[in-house]
Amino acid sequence: MTVLIDPPNAAGHGRLWSHLASDVSYDELHTFARRAGIPERGFDRDHYDVPSEWYDAVVELGAEQVSSRELVSRLVAAGLRRRKTGKLG
């Protein structure tokens, strides 16, 4: 199991957020998120948004701490990165 979490450094909705991702499969990611009690609504394309107050508990469950750059790099290398698509016109 290789589930990754970056530091809580993404601001939004008055709090800081981490990103939880897998460099193996989305199935692995969803399974881990359910085990951690992360709601499905937290899934965004290729990762879950995790509030900073959950960070330690998610690491305790086994998520590997990596930098944000490392997380994205490993998603890309695994072919699991899904970029936002912009609207044309």
C-alpha atoms as a PDB file:
ATOM      1  CA  MET A   1       0.000   0.000   0.000  1.00  0.00           C
ATOM      2  CA  THR A   2       1.374   3.394  -0.997  1.00  0.00           C
ATOM      3  CA  VAL A   3      -0.937   6.167   0.093  1.00  0.00           C
ATOM      4  CA  LEU A   4       0.686   9.584   0.196  1.00  0.00           C
ATOM      5  CA  ILE A   5      -0.154  12.767   2.091  1.00  0.00           C
ATOM      6  CA  ASP A   6       1.406  16.186   1.663  1.00  0.00           C
ATOM      7  CA  PRO A   7       1.664  18.869   4.368  1.00  0.00           C
ATOM      8  CA  PRO A   8      -1.458  20.920   5.115  1.00  0.00           C
ATOM      9  CA  ASN A   9      -0.514  23.957   3.046  1.00  0.00           C
ATOM     10  CA  ALA A  10      -3.472  24.498   0.706  1.00  0.00           C
ATOM     11  CA  ALA A  11      -5.773  27.219   2.026  1.00  0.00           C
ATOM     12  CA  GLY A  12      -9.511  27.042   1.493  1.00  0.00           C
ATOM     13  CA  HIS A  13     -12.727  27.682   3.374  1.00  0.00           C
ATOM     14  CA  GLY A  14     -10.865  29.256   6.295  1.00  0.00           C
ATOM     15  CA  ARG A  15      -8.579  26.278   6.965  1.00  0.00           C
ATOM     16  CA  LEU A  16      -5.517  24.464   5.663  1.00  0.00           C
ATOM     17  CA  TRP A  17      -5.741  21.221   3.703  1.00  0.00           C
ATOM     18  CA  SER A  18      -3.534  18.296   2.751  1.00  0.00           C
ATOM     19  CA  HIS A  19      -3.924  16.087  -0.293  1.00  0.00           C
ATOM     20  CA  LEU A  20      -4.197  12.312   0.072  1.00  0.00           C
ATOM     21  CA  ALA A  21      -3.357  10.238  -3.001  1.00  0.00           C
ATOM     22  CA  SER A  22      -2.183   6.786  -4.067  1.00  0.00           C
ATOM     23  CA  ASP A  23       0.562   6.095  -6.567  1.00  0.00           C
ATOM     24  CA  VAL A  24      -0.834   2.581  -7.061  1.00  0.00           C
ATOM     25  CA  SER A  25      -4.575   2.862  -7.787  1.00  0.00           C
ATOM     26  CA  TYR A  26      -7.750   4.795  -7.104  1.00  0.00           C
ATOM     27  CA  ASP A  27      -9.200   1.649  -5.496  1.00  0.00           C
ATOM     28  CA  GLU A  28      -6.386   1.676  -2.942  1.00  0.00           C
ATOM     29  CA  LEU A  29      -6.994   5.384  -2.301  1.00  0.00           C
ATOM     30  CA  HIS A  30     -10.761   4.971  -1.809  1.00  0.00           C
ATOM     31  CA  THR A  31     -10.246   1.989   0.517  1.00  0.00           C
ATOM     32  CA  PHE A  32      -7.788   3.943   2.666  1.00  0.00           C
ATOM     33  CA  ALA A  33     -10.051   7.003   2.740  1.00  0.00           C
ATOM     34  CA  ARG A  34     -13.025   4.920   3.914  1.00  0.00           C
ATOM     35  CA  ARG A  35     -10.865   3.374   6.647  1.00  0.00           C
ATOM     36  CA  ALA A  36      -9.772   6.873   7.727  1.00  0.00           C
ATOM     37  CA  GLY A  37     -13.383   8.121   7.781  1.00  0.00           C
ATOM     38  CA  ILE A  38     -12.818  10.661   5.009  1.00  0.00           C
ATOM     39  CA  PRO A  39     -16.131  11.459   3.290  1.00  0.00           C
ATOM     40  CA  GLU A  40     -16.491  10.649  -0.424  1.00  0.00           C
ATOM     41  CA  ARG A  41     -17.271  14.316  -1.080  1.00  0.00           C
ATOM     42  CA  GLY A  42     -13.591  15.002  -0.249  1.00  0.00           C
ATOM     43  CA  PHE A  43     -12.478  13.253  -3.468  1.00  0.00           C
ATOM     44  CA  ASP A  44     -11.322  15.664  -6.171  1.00  0.00           C
ATOM     45  CA  ARG A  45     -10.226  14.087  -9.495  1.00  0.00           C
ATOM     46  CA  ASP A  46      -7.168  12.173  -8.220  1.00  0.00           C
ATOM     47  CA  HIS A  47      -6.897  12.915  -4.490  1.00  0.00           C
ATOM     48  CA  TYR A  48      -8.844  13.540  -1.319  1.00  0.00           C
ATOM     49  CA  ASP A  49      -8.732  16.894   0.440  1.00  0.00           C
ATOM     50  CA  VAL A  50      -7.939  16.326   4.115  1.00  0.00           C
ATOM     51  CA  PRO A  51      -8.292  19.091   6.745  1.00  0.00           C
ATOM     52  CA  SER A  52      -5.150  19.865   8.736  1.00  0.00           C
ATOM     53  CA  GLU A  53      -6.680  18.629  11.978  1.00  0.00           C
ATOM     54  CA  TRP A  54      -6.928  15.110  10.477  1.00  0.00           C
ATOM     55  CA  TYR A  55      -3.305  15.035   9.262  1.00  0.00           C
ATOM     56  CA  ASP A  56      -1.755  13.227  12.252  1.00  0.00           C
ATOM     57  CA  ALA A  57      -4.500  10.584  12.365  1.00  0.00           C
ATOM     58  CA  VAL A  58      -4.123   9.841   8.635  1.00  0.00           C
ATOM     59  CA  VAL A  59      -0.336   9.495   9.024  1.00  0.00           C
ATOM     60  CA  GLU A  60      -0.911   7.202  11.999  1.00  0.00           C
ATOM     61  CA  LEU A  61      -3.068   4.971   9.758  1.00  0.00           C
ATOM     62  CA  GLY A  62      -0.124   4.579   7.403  1.00  0.00           C
ATOM     63  CA  ALA A  63      -0.089   7.419   4.886  1.00  0.00           C
ATOM     64  CA  GLU A  64       3.448   8.271   3.795  1.00  0.00           C
ATOM     65  CA  GLN A  65       4.397  11.908   4.391  1.00  0.00           C
ATOM     66  CA  VAL A  66       5.768  13.536   1.233  1.00  0.00           C
ATOM     67  CA  SER A  67       6.133  17.055  -0.124  1.00  0.00           C
ATOM     68  CA  SER A  68       3.451  18.442  -2.424  1.00  0.00           C
ATOM     69  CA  ARG A  69       5.919  18.293  -5.316  1.00  0.00           C
ATOM     70  CA  GLU A  70       6.700  14.622  -4.569  1.00  0.00           C
ATOM     71  CA  LEU A  71       3.001  13.738  -4.381  1.00  0.00           C
ATOM     72  CA  VAL A  72       2.281  15.242  -7.804  1.00  0.00           C
ATOM     73  CA  SER A  73       5.444  13.722  -9.294  1.00  0.00           C
ATOM     74  CA  ARG A  74       4.476  10.244  -8.109  1.00  0.00           C
ATOM     75  CA  LEU A  75       0.906  10.622  -9.411  1.00  0.00           C
ATOM     76  CA  VAL A  76       2.247  11.636 -12.814  1.00  0.00           C
ATOM     77  CA  ALA A  77       4.778   8.776 -12.884  1.00  0.00           C
ATOM     78  CA  ALA A  78       2.018   6.282 -12.024  1.00  0.00           C
ATOM     79  CA  GLY A  79      -0.275   7.663 -14.744  1.00  0.00           C
ATOM     80  CA  LEU A  80      -2.891   8.603 -12.135  1.00  0.00           C
ATOM     81  CA  ARG A  81      -2.742  12.415 -12.363  1.00  0.00           C
ATOM     82  CA  ARG A  82      -6.022  13.953 -13.540  1.00  0.00           C
ATOM     83  CA  ARG A  83      -5.705  17.633 -14.337  1.00  0.00           C
ATOM     84  CA  LYS A  84      -8.543  20.121 -14.195  1.00  0.00           C
ATOM     85  CA  THR A  85     -10.085  20.718 -17.574  1.00  0.00           C
ATOM     86  CA  GLY A  86     -10.827  24.301 -18.534  1.00  0.00           C
ATOM     87  CA  LYS A  87     -13.798  25.486 -20.525  1.00  0.00           C
ATOM     88  CA  LEU A  88     -13.099  26.849 -23.976  1.00  0.00           C
ATOM     89  CA  GLY A  89     -14.749  29.837 -25.459  1.00  0.00           C
END
